Amino acid sequence: MTVRLWFRRPENRINYFPMMKSFIQLGKYRLGPGYPPFIVAELSGNHNQSLDRALELVRAAAKAKVQGVKIQTYTADTMTLDLNEKEFLINDQESLWKGKTLYKLYQEAHTPWDWHKPIFDLCRELGLVGFSTPFDASAVDFLVKLEVPCFKIASFENIDIPLIRKVAAAGKPLIISTGMAEIAELDEAIRTARQVGIEDIILLKCTSTYPASPENSNIMTIPHMRELFKVQVGLSDHSLGIGVAVAGVALGATMIEKHFTLDRSESGVDAAFSMEPAEMKALVEETTRAWQALGKICYGFTAGEHQAAKFRRSLYIVEDMKEGEVFTPRNLRAIRPGLGLAPKYYDIFIGKKVSRDVRHGTPLSWDMLC
């Protein structure tokens, strides 16, 4: 549905939505335009079915200075059917998972439920916000018992209104990936959460290709979604490198999610488009710099520019002058430093007489004009 058609309905106009809160609290962190971007390391299936590796990923994420770690809560049986035919077999020639059945893929990628508590416990110990994406009602109930601080809805589930209603009923901040969703579908998801009473909502601009190309990321949608739905907007980024994420922060993204692995060469279901520890550390640093650079609307001198001001051009006497001599282009020039009158006054002095003897190298001042 186009934006124009969607807005023709009076109930869909922007004034339906309440004012966006200045920040959302996640653990000890605040998310909002006035705070550094909240970086999430998505572990997904990169644990390669090893709890020790999963815990090592959490430790590596903490060393990279991320704020959040996310896992996924499902089983192969809650995701699909164990069939090796037709639509249950991945035949896409471009897919990283070509030749696998959906069931086998989810069986390989899922995080065993008895791993969740040790993973979340380690997150708390290291000062990280550990949370998960539930894919069905049983996963929501399980995560509620573990007292997760927030929930995420995956792009492929952003049209599952019963699931969103179930998650929202838990009363925790809700993060929704927007991959493939039309405006009307996002509107329905947000309305569903708000009807249950949830106001702490973060949309994540997402392109559901693995990996995603920068050309297909369309992050100009970030400020548009923020204004349209009056919620915070972040980026779930499947592209390679950190360029798209840094640009996302420049456009107002308050949360960045990237898949995380210890070593891409060790394989894993998501390894090909996941960040290694050094890259994740660079992501944290560079998105923070991008956020710091946003600053505020500012003209004139900044706090650090006052010393530099003396190197601006200004008007100087460049030849010795005697009282009564005429200012000419030969004895008056705009040069550095900037202690004289501004160059815009040059024409006022040319052809006029100097009021006193002046040595060359003297900054021009008004009292020199007869």
Foldseek 3Di string as FASTA:
>chain_A
DDPVVQVVDVCQFQVVADAADQWDDFQPDTFHLVGFAQEEAEAFQQCQPPLVQLLVQLVLLLVLVHAAYEYADDALVLVDDPDDDDPQAACPPPDPRHGDGSSVQRNRGHDDLVSQLVSCVSCVVSNHQYEYEYDDLVRLVSRLVSVRQEYEHEQVCLQVLVVLLSRLLSVHAYEYENEPHDPVSNVSSVVSSVVSPDSRYEYAQEHPDQQDDPVPSPLLCQVVCCSSNNYAYAHEHQHAAQVSRLVNVLNRHRYYYFHEHQDLVVPTNRSVRGDHSVRSSVNSVSSSVSSVVNPDDDDDDDPPCPVVQQFAWAKWQAAWDAFFDADACVGIDTHDGDPAHHPVCVVVRHGFTFHHTDHGPGHHDPNRGD
